[in-house]
PDB file of N, CA and C in Angstrom:
ATOM      1  N   MET A   1     148.800 125.539  83.444  1.00  0.00           N
ATOM      2  CA  MET A   1     148.135 124.324  83.305  1.00  0.00           C
ATOM      3  C   MET A   1     147.829 124.233  82.636  1.00  0.00           C
ATOM      4  N   ASP A   2     147.861 122.644  81.569  1.00  0.00           N
ATOM      5  CA  ASP A   2     146.506 122.493  80.529  1.00  0.00           C
ATOM      6  C   ASP A   2     145.036 122.826  80.598  1.00  0.00           C
ATOM      7  N   LYS A   3     144.937 123.115  79.903  1.00  0.00           N
ATOM      8  CA  LYS A   3     142.715 122.720  80.210  1.00  0.00           C
ATOM      9  C   LYS A   3     142.188 122.165  79.212  1.00  0.00           C
ATOM     10  N   LYS A   4     142.936 121.115  78.923  1.00  0.00           N
ATOM     11  CA  LYS A   4     141.844 119.475  78.918  1.00  0.00           C
ATOM     12  C   LYS A   4     142.495 118.719  79.744  1.00  0.00           C
ATOM     13  N   ASN A   5     140.816 117.662  79.909  1.00  0.00           N
ATOM     14  CA  ASN A   5     140.747 116.817  81.065  1.00  0.00           C
ATOM     15  C   ASN A   5     141.731 116.031  81.929  1.00  0.00           C
ATOM     16  N   GLY A   6     142.111 115.967  82.725  1.00  0.00           N
ATOM     17  CA  GLY A   6     142.597 115.510  83.426  1.00  0.00           C
ATOM     18  C   GLY A   6     142.656 115.747  84.951  1.00  0.00           C
ATOM     19  N   ILE A   7     144.293 115.744  86.003  1.00  0.00           N
ATOM     20  CA  ILE A   7     144.017 115.919  87.049  1.00  0.00           C
ATOM     21  C   ILE A   7     145.815 116.468  87.170  1.00  0.00           C
ATOM     22  N   THR A   8     145.362 117.637  87.842  1.00  0.00           N
ATOM     23  CA  THR A   8     146.453 118.415  88.226  1.00  0.00           C
ATOM     24  C   THR A   8     146.383 119.010  90.134  1.00  0.00           C
ATOM     25  N   LEU A   9     147.911 118.359  90.352  1.00  0.00           N
ATOM     26  CA  LEU A   9     148.366 117.851  91.975  1.00  0.00           C
ATOM     27  C   LEU A   9     148.293 119.814  92.314  1.00  0.00           C
ATOM     28  N   ILE A  10     148.365 119.662  93.462  1.00  0.00           N
ATOM     29  CA  ILE A  10     149.117 120.784  93.900  1.00  0.00           C
ATOM     30  C   ILE A  10     148.991 120.020  95.141  1.00  0.00           C
ATOM     31  N   ILE A  11     150.483 119.555  95.619  1.00  0.00           N
ATOM     32  CA  ILE A  11     151.052 119.119  97.465  1.00  0.00           C
ATOM     33  C   ILE A  11     151.777 120.769  97.943  1.00  0.00           C
ATOM     34  N   GLY A  12     150.899 120.663  99.056  1.00  0.00           N
ATOM     35  CA  GLY A  12     151.536 121.588  99.574  1.00  0.00           C
ATOM     36  C   GLY A  12     151.571 121.520 101.101  1.00  0.00           C
ATOM     37  N   GLY A  13     151.977 122.241 102.059  1.00  0.00           N
ATOM     38  CA  GLY A  13     151.962 121.887 103.834  1.00  0.00           C
ATOM     39  C   GLY A  13     151.167 123.017 103.961  1.00  0.00           C
ATOM     40  N   ASN A  14     150.904 123.228 105.472  1.00  0.00           N
ATOM     41  CA  ASN A  14     150.237 124.631 105.932  1.00  0.00           C
ATOM     42  C   ASN A  14     150.463 125.540 105.577  1.00  0.00           C
ATOM     43  N   ALA A  15     150.580 126.349 104.908  1.00  0.00           N
ATOM     44  CA  ALA A  15     150.355 128.024 104.629  1.00  0.00           C
ATOM     45  C   ALA A  15     150.855 127.993 103.414  1.00  0.00           C
ATOM     46  N   SER A  16     151.221 126.911 102.340  1.00  0.00           N
ATOM     47  CA  SER A  16     150.882 127.340 101.521  1.00  0.00           C
ATOM     48  C   SER A  16     151.204 127.790  99.635  1.00  0.00           C
ATOM     49  N   GLY A  17     149.295 128.268 100.354  1.00  0.00           N
ATOM     50  CA  GLY A  17     149.247 129.143  99.557  1.00  0.00           C
ATOM     51  C   GLY A  17     147.906 128.276  98.679  1.00  0.00           C
ATOM     52  N   LYS A  18     147.412 126.984  99.028  1.00  0.00           N
ATOM     53  CA  LYS A  18     147.874 126.052  98.071  1.00  0.00           C
ATOM     54  C   LYS A  18     145.336 126.016  98.262  1.00  0.00           C
ATOM     55  N   THR A  19     145.151 126.653  98.835  1.00  0.00           N
ATOM     56  CA  THR A  19     143.554 127.809  98.617  1.00  0.00           C
ATOM     57  C   THR A  19     143.652 128.594  97.924  1.00  0.00           C
ATOM     58  N   ARG A  20     144.498 129.843  98.258  1.00  0.00           N
ATOM     59  CA  ARG A  20     144.196 130.782  97.960  1.00  0.00           C
ATOM     60  C   ARG A  20     144.870 130.558  95.748  1.00  0.00           C
ATOM     61  N   LEU A  21     145.998 129.992  95.753  1.00  0.00           N
ATOM     62  CA  LEU A  21     145.743 129.385  94.825  1.00  0.00           C
ATOM     63  C   LEU A  21     144.283 129.273  94.016  1.00  0.00           C
ATOM     64  N   LEU A  22     143.171 128.099  94.905  1.00  0.00           N
ATOM     65  CA  LEU A  22     141.647 127.580  94.095  1.00  0.00           C
ATOM     66  C   LEU A  22     141.413 128.922  93.534  1.00  0.00           C
ATOM     67  N   LYS A  23     141.677 129.015  95.113  1.00  0.00           N
ATOM     68  CA  LYS A  23     139.965 130.699  95.184  1.00  0.00           C
ATOM     69  C   LYS A  23     140.309 131.191  93.771  1.00  0.00           C
ATOM     70  N   GLU A  24     142.025 131.822  93.347  1.00  0.00           N
ATOM     71  CA  GLU A  24     142.685 132.855  92.241  1.00  0.00           C
ATOM     72  C   GLU A  24     141.879 131.465  90.877  1.00  0.00           C
ATOM     73  N   LEU A  25     142.397 130.379  90.748  1.00  0.00           N
ATOM     74  CA  LEU A  25     142.038 129.738  89.523  1.00  0.00           C
ATOM     75  C   LEU A  25     140.658 129.541  89.333  1.00  0.00           C
ATOM     76  N   ARG A  26     140.090 129.938  90.277  1.00  0.00           N
ATOM     77  CA  ARG A  26     138.353 130.413  90.157  1.00  0.00           C
ATOM     78  C   ARG A  26     137.932 131.563  89.635  1.00  0.00           C
ATOM     79  N   GLU A  27     138.615 132.624  89.957  1.00  0.00           N
ATOM     80  CA  GLU A  27     138.003 133.717  89.883  1.00  0.00           C
ATOM     81  C   GLU A  27     138.272 133.763  87.837  1.00  0.00           C
ATOM     82  N   ILE A  28     139.684 133.260  87.615  1.00  0.00           N
ATOM     83  CA  ILE A  28     140.800 133.296  86.140  1.00  0.00           C
ATOM     84  C   ILE A  28     139.480 133.023  85.385  1.00  0.00           C
ATOM     85  N   ALA A  29     138.668 131.444  86.205  1.00  0.00           N
ATOM     86  CA  ALA A  29     137.921 130.563  84.506  1.00  0.00           C
ATOM     87  C   ALA A  29     136.260 131.177  84.653  1.00  0.00           C
ATOM     88  N   GLY A  30     136.166 132.082  85.837  1.00  0.00           N
ATOM     89  CA  GLY A  30     135.197 132.133  85.642  1.00  0.00           C
ATOM     90  C   GLY A  30     134.162 131.627  86.115  1.00  0.00           C
ATOM     91  N   GLY A  31     132.301 131.049  85.356  1.00  0.00           N
ATOM     92  CA  GLY A  31     131.965 130.261  86.013  1.00  0.00           C
ATOM     93  C   GLY A  31     132.314 128.888  84.851  1.00  0.00           C
ATOM     94  N   ASN A  32     133.142 129.078  84.382  1.00  0.00           N
ATOM     95  CA  ASN A  32     133.152 127.360  84.153  1.00  0.00           C
ATOM     96  C   ASN A  32     134.378 126.572  85.181  1.00  0.00           C
ATOM     97  N   ALA A  33     134.280 127.423  86.663  1.00  0.00           N
ATOM     98  CA  ALA A  33     134.703 126.241  87.432  1.00  0.00           C
ATOM     99  C   ALA A  33     133.976 126.372  89.088  1.00  0.00           C
ATOM    100  N   GLU A  34     134.400 125.362  89.543  1.00  0.00           N
ATOM    101  CA  GLU A  34     133.129 124.862  90.608  1.00  0.00           C
ATOM    102  C   GLU A  34     134.654 124.653  91.243  1.00  0.00           C
ATOM    103  N   TYR A  35     134.028 125.118  93.047  1.00  0.00           N
ATOM    104  CA  TYR A  35     135.068 124.974  93.925  1.00  0.00           C
ATOM    105  C   TYR A  35     134.477 124.325  95.275  1.00  0.00           C
ATOM    106  N   TYR A  36     135.140 123.314  95.730  1.00  0.00           N
ATOM    107  CA  TYR A  36     134.373 122.686  97.246  1.00  0.00           C
ATOM    108  C   TYR A  36     135.891 122.498  98.327  1.00  0.00           C
ATOM    109  N   ASN A  37     135.004 123.078  98.812  1.00  0.00           N
ATOM    110  CA  ASN A  37     136.611 122.572 100.070  1.00  0.00           C
ATOM    111  C   ASN A  37     136.279 121.031 100.815  1.00  0.00           C
ATOM    112  N   TYR A  38     136.905 120.925 102.238  1.00  0.00           N
ATOM    113  CA  TYR A  38     136.977 119.487 102.217  1.00  0.00           C
ATOM    114  C   TYR A  38     135.914 119.172 102.989  1.00  0.00           C
ATOM    115  N   ARG A  39     135.231 120.360 103.420  1.00  0.00           N
ATOM    116  CA  ARG A  39     133.740 119.871 104.168  1.00  0.00           C
ATOM    117  C   ARG A  39     132.987 119.114 102.855  1.00  0.00           C
ATOM    118  N   GLU A  40     132.480 119.426 101.471  1.00  0.00           N
ATOM    119  CA  GLU A  40     131.570 119.679 100.540  1.00  0.00           C
ATOM    120  C   GLU A  40     131.815 118.143 100.024  1.00  0.00           C
ATOM    121  N   THR A  41     133.124 117.911  99.866  1.00  0.00           N
ATOM    122  CA  THR A  41     133.698 116.852  99.118  1.00  0.00           C
ATOM    123  C   THR A  41     133.035 115.754  98.787  1.00  0.00           C
ATOM    124  N   GLU A  42     132.436 115.042 100.000  1.00  0.00           N
ATOM    125  CA  GLU A  42     131.394 113.440  99.877  1.00  0.00           C
ATOM    126  C   GLU A  42     130.596 113.879  99.139  1.00  0.00           C
ATOM    127  N   ASP A  43     129.461 114.958  99.415  1.00  0.00           N
ATOM    128  CA  ASP A  43     127.965 114.944  98.831  1.00  0.00           C
ATOM    129  C   ASP A  43     128.467 115.533  97.219  1.00  0.00           C
ATOM    130  N   LEU A  44     129.272 116.364  98.267  1.00  0.00           N
ATOM    131  CA  LEU A  44     129.541 117.204  96.377  1.00  0.00           C
ATOM    132  C   LEU A  44     129.933 116.802  94.947  1.00  0.00           C
ATOM    133  N   LEU A  45     131.271 115.581  95.082  1.00  0.00           N
ATOM    134  CA  LEU A  45     131.990 114.962  94.374  1.00  0.00           C
ATOM    135  C   LEU A  45     131.056 113.859  93.500  1.00  0.00           C
ATOM    136  N   ALA A  46     130.000 113.456  94.247  1.00  0.00           N
ATOM    137  CA  ALA A  46     129.059 112.282  94.193  1.00  0.00           C
ATOM    138  C   ALA A  46     128.565 112.740  93.203  1.00  0.00           C
ATOM    139  N   GLN A  47     127.827 114.206  93.358  1.00  0.00           N
ATOM    140  CA  GLN A  47     127.055 114.733  92.886  1.00  0.00           C
ATOM    141  C   GLN A  47     126.941 115.400  90.925  1.00  0.00           C
ATOM    142  N   GLU A  48     128.290 115.644  91.027  1.00  0.00           N
ATOM    143  CA  GLU A  48     128.996 116.289  90.156  1.00  0.00           C
ATOM    144  C   GLU A  48     128.968 114.296  89.320  1.00  0.00           C
ATOM    145  N   MET A  49     128.516 113.268  89.246  1.00  0.00           N
ATOM    146  CA  MET A  49     129.062 112.552  88.381  1.00  0.00           C
ATOM    147  C   MET A  49     128.434 112.938  87.815  1.00  0.00           C
ATOM    148  N   ASP A  50     127.047 112.715  87.995  1.00  0.00           N
ATOM    149  CA  ASP A  50     125.528 113.340  87.373  1.00  0.00           C
ATOM    150  C   ASP A  50     125.850 114.070  86.288  1.00  0.00           C
ATOM    151  N   LYS A  51     126.207 115.109  85.892  1.00  0.00           N
ATOM    152  CA  LYS A  51     126.599 116.298  85.578  1.00  0.00           C
ATOM    153  C   LYS A  51     126.724 116.556  83.959  1.00  0.00           C
ATOM    154  N   GLU A  52     126.383 116.971  83.106  1.00  0.00           N
ATOM    155  CA  GLU A  52     127.079 116.777  81.885  1.00  0.00           C
ATOM    156  C   GLU A  52     127.956 117.863  81.677  1.00  0.00           C
ATOM    157  N   LYS A  53     127.714 118.526  81.876  1.00  0.00           N
ATOM    158  CA  LYS A  53     128.218 120.199  82.098  1.00  0.00           C
ATOM    159  C   LYS A  53     129.885 120.128  81.520  1.00  0.00           C
ATOM    160  N   PHE A  54     130.505 120.434  81.051  1.00  0.00           N
ATOM    161  CA  PHE A  54     132.103 120.450  80.911  1.00  0.00           C
ATOM    162  C   PHE A  54     132.262 121.774  82.051  1.00  0.00           C
ATOM    163  N   SER A  55     133.263 122.039  82.990  1.00  0.00           N
ATOM    164  CA  SER A  55     133.629 122.865  84.369  1.00  0.00           C
ATOM    165  C   SER A  55     135.226 121.993  84.185  1.00  0.00           C
ATOM    166  N   THR A  56     135.520 122.782  85.234  1.00  0.00           N
ATOM    167  CA  THR A  56     136.855 122.866  85.895  1.00  0.00           C
ATOM    168  C   THR A  56     136.191 122.161  86.999  1.00  0.00           C
ATOM    169  N   LEU A  57     137.267 121.216  87.830  1.00  0.00           N
ATOM    170  CA  LEU A  57     136.523 120.869  88.988  1.00  0.00           C
ATOM    171  C   LEU A  57     138.219 121.270  90.164  1.00  0.00           C
ATOM    172  N   LEU A  58     137.727 122.144  91.377  1.00  0.00           N
ATOM    173  CA  LEU A  58     138.690 122.475  92.004  1.00  0.00           C
ATOM    174  C   LEU A  58     138.150 122.274  93.433  1.00  0.00           C
ATOM    175  N   VAL A  59     139.440 120.525  94.180  1.00  0.00           N
ATOM    176  CA  VAL A  59     138.518 120.558  94.928  1.00  0.00           C
ATOM    177  C   VAL A  59     139.708 120.889  96.350  1.00  0.00           C
ATOM    178  N   ASP A  60     139.112 121.519  97.303  1.00  0.00           N
ATOM    179  CA  ASP A  60     140.485 121.732  97.894  1.00  0.00           C
ATOM    180  C   ASP A  60     140.968 120.448  99.514  1.00  0.00           C
ATOM    181  N   GLU A  61     141.772 120.302  99.866  1.00  0.00           N
ATOM    182  CA  GLU A  61     141.853 119.205 100.407  1.00  0.00           C
ATOM    183  C   GLU A  61     140.424 118.383 101.089  1.00  0.00           C
ATOM    184  N   PRO A  62     140.227 117.694  99.467  1.00  0.00           N
ATOM    185  CA  PRO A  62     139.904 116.144  99.497  1.00  0.00           C
ATOM    186  C   PRO A  62     140.112 114.832 100.830  1.00  0.00           C
ATOM    187  N   PHE A  63     139.768 114.163 101.726  1.00  0.00           N
ATOM    188  CA  PHE A  63     139.970 112.835 102.504  1.00  0.00           C
ATOM    189  C   PHE A  63     140.056 111.630 100.759  1.00  0.00           C
ATOM    190  N   ILE A  64     140.914 111.913 100.342  1.00  0.00           N
ATOM    191  CA  ILE A  64     141.734 111.306  99.108  1.00  0.00           C
ATOM    192  C   ILE A  64     141.752 109.186  99.890  1.00  0.00           C
ATOM    193  N   THR A  65     141.462 109.051 100.661  1.00  0.00           N
ATOM    194  CA  THR A  65     142.050 107.620 100.978  1.00  0.00           C
ATOM    195  C   THR A  65     141.089 107.506 101.963  1.00  0.00           C
ATOM    196  N   GLY A  66     139.766 108.461 101.783  1.00  0.00           N
ATOM    197  CA  GLY A  66     138.900 108.301 101.895  1.00  0.00           C
ATOM    198  C   GLY A  66     137.524 106.827 101.071  1.00  0.00           C
ATOM    199  N   GLN A  67     136.691 106.781 101.332  1.00  0.00           N
ATOM    200  CA  GLN A  67     135.052 106.558 100.951  1.00  0.00           C
ATOM    201  C   GLN A  67     133.910 107.348  99.982  1.00  0.00           C
ATOM    202  N   ILE A  68     133.270 107.608  99.008  1.00  0.00           N
ATOM    203  CA  ILE A  68     132.081 107.435  99.152  1.00  0.00           C
ATOM    204  C   ILE A  68     131.227 105.980  98.932  1.00  0.00           C
ATOM    205  N   GLY A  69     130.294 105.915  99.166  1.00  0.00           N
ATOM    206  CA  GLY A  69     129.379 104.384  99.639  1.00  0.00           C
ATOM    207  C   GLY A  69     130.334 103.465  98.927  1.00  0.00           C
ATOM    208  N   GLY A  70     131.415 102.793  99.957  1.00  0.00           N
ATOM    209  CA  GLY A  70     132.481 101.965  99.574  1.00  0.00           C
ATOM    210  C   GLY A  70     133.585 102.076  98.343  1.00  0.00           C
ATOM    211  N   LYS A  71     133.733 102.826  98.275  1.00  0.00           N
ATOM    212  CA  LYS A  71     134.473 103.340  96.767  1.00  0.00           C
ATOM    213  C   LYS A  71     135.506 104.513  96.572  1.00  0.00           C
ATOM    214  N   PRO A  72     136.464 103.946  96.190  1.00  0.00           N
ATOM    215  CA  PRO A  72     137.568 105.033  97.018  1.00  0.00           C
ATOM    216  C   PRO A  72     137.320 106.821  96.223  1.00  0.00           C
ATOM    217  N   ILE A  73     138.075 108.299  97.665  1.00  0.00           N
ATOM    218  CA  ILE A  73     137.089 109.203  96.787  1.00  0.00           C
ATOM    219  C   ILE A  73     137.914 109.432  94.998  1.00  0.00           C
ATOM    220  N   ALA A  74     139.837 109.131  95.489  1.00  0.00           N
ATOM    221  CA  ALA A  74     140.390 108.555  94.743  1.00  0.00           C
ATOM    222  C   ALA A  74     140.089 108.309  93.131  1.00  0.00           C
ATOM    223  N   LYS A  75     139.354 107.286  93.300  1.00  0.00           N
ATOM    224  CA  LYS A  75     138.561 106.756  91.528  1.00  0.00           C
ATOM    225  C   LYS A  75     137.730 107.849  91.429  1.00  0.00           C
ATOM    226  N   PHE A  76     136.461 108.256  92.547  1.00  0.00           N
ATOM    227  CA  PHE A  76     135.446 108.989  91.722  1.00  0.00           C
ATOM    228  C   PHE A  76     136.513 110.852  91.293  1.00  0.00           C
ATOM    229  N   ILE A  77     137.255 110.812  92.041  1.00  0.00           N
ATOM    230  CA  ILE A  77     138.393 111.588  90.707  1.00  0.00           C
ATOM    231  C   ILE A  77     138.470 111.694  90.103  1.00  0.00           C
ATOM    232  N   MET A  78     139.350 110.150  89.632  1.00  0.00           N
ATOM    233  CA  MET A  78     140.190 109.908  88.626  1.00  0.00           C
ATOM    234  C   MET A  78     138.709 109.831  87.262  1.00  0.00           C
ATOM    235  N   GLN A  79     136.885 109.371  87.923  1.00  0.00           N
ATOM    236  CA  GLN A  79     136.520 109.568  87.056  1.00  0.00           C
ATOM    237  C   GLN A  79     135.676 110.277  86.158  1.00  0.00           C
ATOM    238  N   LEU A  80     135.880 111.914  86.886  1.00  0.00           N
ATOM    239  CA  LEU A  80     135.649 112.534  87.024  1.00  0.00           C
ATOM    240  C   LEU A  80     137.206 113.568  85.812  1.00  0.00           C
ATOM    241  N   ALA A  81     137.562 113.650  86.162  1.00  0.00           N
ATOM    242  CA  ALA A  81     138.408 113.955  85.495  1.00  0.00           C
ATOM    243  C   ALA A  81     138.521 113.077  84.180  1.00  0.00           C
ATOM    244  N   LYS A  82     138.397 112.173  83.614  1.00  0.00           N
ATOM    245  CA  LYS A  82     137.639 111.339  81.973  1.00  0.00           C
ATOM    246  C   LYS A  82     136.956 112.777  81.535  1.00  0.00           C
ATOM    247  N   LYS A  83     136.364 113.517  82.295  1.00  0.00           N
ATOM    248  CA  LYS A  83     135.262 114.681  81.281  1.00  0.00           C
ATOM    249  C   LYS A  83     135.719 115.472  81.095  1.00  0.00           C
ATOM    250  N   ARG A  84     136.099 116.053  82.939  1.00  0.00           N
ATOM    251  CA  ARG A  84     136.517 117.962  83.079  1.00  0.00           C
ATOM    252  C   ARG A  84     138.313 117.720  83.677  1.00  0.00           C
ATOM    253  N   LYS A  85     138.157 119.072  83.792  1.00  0.00           N
ATOM    254  CA  LYS A  85     140.212 119.372  84.337  1.00  0.00           C
ATOM    255  C   LYS A  85     139.611 118.867  86.108  1.00  0.00           C
ATOM    256  N   VAL A  86     140.738 118.750  86.395  1.00  0.00           N
ATOM    257  CA  VAL A  86     140.662 118.228  87.844  1.00  0.00           C
ATOM    258  C   VAL A  86     142.171 119.398  88.691  1.00  0.00           C
ATOM    259  N   VAL A  87     141.077 120.215  88.823  1.00  0.00           N
ATOM    260  CA  VAL A  87     142.873 120.479  90.216  1.00  0.00           C
ATOM    261  C   VAL A  87     142.378 120.090  91.718  1.00  0.00           C
ATOM    262  N   VAL A  88     143.342 119.379  92.019  1.00  0.00           N
ATOM    263  CA  VAL A  88     143.289 118.843  93.403  1.00  0.00           C
ATOM    264  C   VAL A  88     144.951 119.008  94.621  1.00  0.00           C
ATOM    265  N   ALA A  89     144.745 120.054  96.167  1.00  0.00           N
ATOM    266  CA  ALA A  89     145.197 120.648  96.021  1.00  0.00           C
ATOM    267  C   ALA A  89     145.044 119.769  97.445  1.00  0.00           C
ATOM    268  N   THR A  90     146.234 119.222  98.029  1.00  0.00           N
ATOM    269  CA  THR A  90     145.913 118.704  99.042  1.00  0.00           C
ATOM    270  C   THR A  90     146.998 118.365  99.601  1.00  0.00           C
ATOM    271  N   SER A  91     148.221 117.646 100.826  1.00  0.00           N
ATOM    272  CA  SER A  91     148.595 118.269 102.086  1.00  0.00           C
ATOM    273  C   SER A  91     149.045 116.785 101.951  1.00  0.00           C
ATOM    274  N   PHE A  92     148.555 115.880 101.955  1.00  0.00           N
ATOM    275  CA  PHE A  92     148.704 114.068 101.871  1.00  0.00           C
ATOM    276  C   PHE A  92     150.252 114.090 100.904  1.00  0.00           C
ATOM    277  N   ASP A  93     151.283 113.351 101.880  1.00  0.00           N
ATOM    278  CA  ASP A  93     151.852 112.728 101.441  1.00  0.00           C
ATOM    279  C   ASP A  93     152.136 112.425 100.105  1.00  0.00           C
ATOM    280  N   GLY A  94     151.543 110.941  99.974  1.00  0.00           N
ATOM    281  CA  GLY A  94     151.317 109.958  99.327  1.00  0.00           C
ATOM    282  C   GLY A  94     150.367 110.102  97.937  1.00  0.00           C
ATOM    283  N   ALA A  95     149.706 111.276  97.804  1.00  0.00           N
ATOM    284  CA  ALA A  95     148.745 112.347  96.466  1.00  0.00           C
ATOM    285  C   ALA A  95     149.651 111.415  95.043  1.00  0.00           C
ATOM    286  N   GLU A  96     150.816 111.732  94.963  1.00  0.00           N
ATOM    287  CA  GLU A  96     151.178 111.406  94.150  1.00  0.00           C
ATOM    288  C   GLU A  96     151.242 110.292  93.657  1.00  0.00           C
ATOM    289  N   PHE A  97     151.867 109.234  94.550  1.00  0.00           N
ATOM    290  CA  PHE A  97     151.692 107.633  94.080  1.00  0.00           C
ATOM    291  C   PHE A  97     150.691 107.392  93.380  1.00  0.00           C
ATOM    292  N   LEU A  98     149.218 107.486  95.187  1.00  0.00           N
ATOM    293  CA  LEU A  98     147.810 107.491  95.021  1.00  0.00           C
ATOM    294  C   LEU A  98     147.201 108.092  93.963  1.00  0.00           C
ATOM    295  N   PHE A  99     147.043 108.639  92.720  1.00  0.00           N
ATOM    296  CA  PHE A  99     146.677 109.922  91.360  1.00  0.00           C
ATOM    297  C   PHE A  99     147.875 108.676  90.202  1.00  0.00           C
ATOM    298  N   SER A 100     148.971 108.002  90.938  1.00  0.00           N
ATOM    299  CA  SER A 100     149.895 107.735  89.676  1.00  0.00           C
ATOM    300  C   SER A 100     149.112 107.059  88.603  1.00  0.00           C
ATOM    301  N   ALA A 101     147.988 105.944  89.534  1.00  0.00           N
ATOM    302  CA  ALA A 101     147.205 104.890  88.959  1.00  0.00           C
ATOM    303  C   ALA A 101     146.075 105.807  88.110  1.00  0.00           C
ATOM    304  N   ALA A 102     146.005 106.209  87.891  1.00  0.00           N
ATOM    305  CA  ALA A 102     145.267 107.056  87.076  1.00  0.00           C
ATOM    306  C   ALA A 102     145.282 106.699  85.492  1.00  0.00           C
ATOM    307  N   GLY A 103     146.761 105.631  84.473  1.00  0.00           N
ATOM    308  CA  GLY A 103     146.145 105.326  83.799  1.00  0.00           C
ATOM    309  C   GLY A 103     146.764 106.297  82.676  1.00  0.00           C
ATOM    310  N   ASP A 104     145.545 106.464  81.897  1.00  0.00           N
ATOM    311  CA  ASP A 104     145.445 107.249  79.947  1.00  0.00           C
ATOM    312  C   ASP A 104     144.924 108.400  80.789  1.00  0.00           C
ATOM    313  N   LEU A 105     144.900 108.786  82.379  1.00  0.00           N
ATOM    314  CA  LEU A 105     144.660 110.681  82.536  1.00  0.00           C
ATOM    315  C   LEU A 105     145.611 111.137  82.416  1.00  0.00           C
ATOM    316  N   LYS A 106     145.796 112.417  81.397  1.00  0.00           N
ATOM    317  CA  LYS A 106     147.177 112.981  82.134  1.00  0.00           C
ATOM    318  C   LYS A 106     147.451 113.744  83.054  1.00  0.00           C
ATOM    319  N   LEU A 107     148.377 113.581  84.284  1.00  0.00           N
ATOM    320  CA  LEU A 107     149.053 113.109  85.460  1.00  0.00           C
ATOM    321  C   LEU A 107     149.851 114.559  85.742  1.00  0.00           C
ATOM    322  N   GLU A 108     149.151 116.062  85.951  1.00  0.00           N
ATOM    323  CA  GLU A 108     150.334 117.430  86.394  1.00  0.00           C
ATOM    324  C   GLU A 108     150.577 117.497  88.050  1.00  0.00           C
ATOM    325  N   ILE A 109     151.946 117.778  88.196  1.00  0.00           N
ATOM    326  CA  ILE A 109     152.278 117.432  90.098  1.00  0.00           C
ATOM    327  C   ILE A 109     152.788 119.072  89.983  1.00  0.00           C
ATOM    328  N   PHE A 110     152.001 119.489  90.837  1.00  0.00           N
ATOM    329  CA  PHE A 110     152.563 121.094  90.836  1.00  0.00           C
ATOM    330  C   PHE A 110     152.751 120.824  92.487  1.00  0.00           C
ATOM    331  N   TYR A 111     154.090 121.411  93.375  1.00  0.00           N
ATOM    332  CA  TYR A 111     154.707 121.350  95.009  1.00  0.00           C
ATOM    333  C   TYR A 111     154.490 122.375  95.472  1.00  0.00           C
ATOM    334  N   MET A 112     154.346 122.934  96.141  1.00  0.00           N
ATOM    335  CA  MET A 112     154.046 124.153  96.779  1.00  0.00           C
ATOM    336  C   MET A 112     155.423 124.653  98.248  1.00  0.00           C
ATOM    337  N   SER A 113     155.864 125.293  98.584  1.00  0.00           N
ATOM    338  CA  SER A 113     156.377 124.956  99.901  1.00  0.00           C
ATOM    339  C   SER A 113     155.428 126.618 100.127  1.00  0.00           C
ATOM    340  N   TYR A 114     155.846 127.336 102.047  1.00  0.00           N
ATOM    341  CA  TYR A 114     156.287 127.841 102.505  1.00  0.00           C
ATOM    342  C   TYR A 114     155.791 129.394 101.695  1.00  0.00           C
ATOM    343  N   TRP A 115     157.234 129.631 101.073  1.00  0.00           N
ATOM    344  CA  TRP A 115     158.507 130.237 100.080  1.00  0.00           C
ATOM    345  C   TRP A 115     157.203 130.679  98.752  1.00  0.00           C
ATOM    346  N   HIS A 116     156.374 129.553  98.595  1.00  0.00           N
ATOM    347  CA  HIS A 116     155.563 130.320  97.325  1.00  0.00           C
ATOM    348  C   HIS A 116     154.351 131.001  98.113  1.00  0.00           C
ATOM    349  N   ALA A 117     154.087 130.772  98.766  1.00  0.00           N
ATOM    350  CA  ALA A 117     152.411 131.563  99.665  1.00  0.00           C
ATOM    351  C   ALA A 117     153.485 133.184  99.804  1.00  0.00           C
ATOM    352  N   ARG A 118     154.137 133.633  99.606  1.00  0.00           N
ATOM    353  CA  ARG A 118     154.832 135.143 100.484  1.00  0.00           C
ATOM    354  C   ARG A 118     154.869 135.392  99.388  1.00  0.00           C
TER     355      ARG A 118
END
């Protein structure tokens, strides 16, 4: 996983180990990573827009087709990825297509299956 700004997508179904991987990445990054689960996404992504400090943002199962204040959550994530590294774990099949519109941002994609979690 590249350390530069951009988006890393981890796409996988239930029991594929996505959440466990994000939590391990948080441990490795120490104080330089912030983890948000799907219940926290809307409030905290909006707050992240105002932060200046660089950190890796780990977002677990965001409702990426949803909106915050009339703006698509995927757009928020793309804006945040201009300032920091954003890792998104999702089971949404259309995530690759949705984030392919990221323009000049670096986009990395990893696919996980149940067998990766074992």
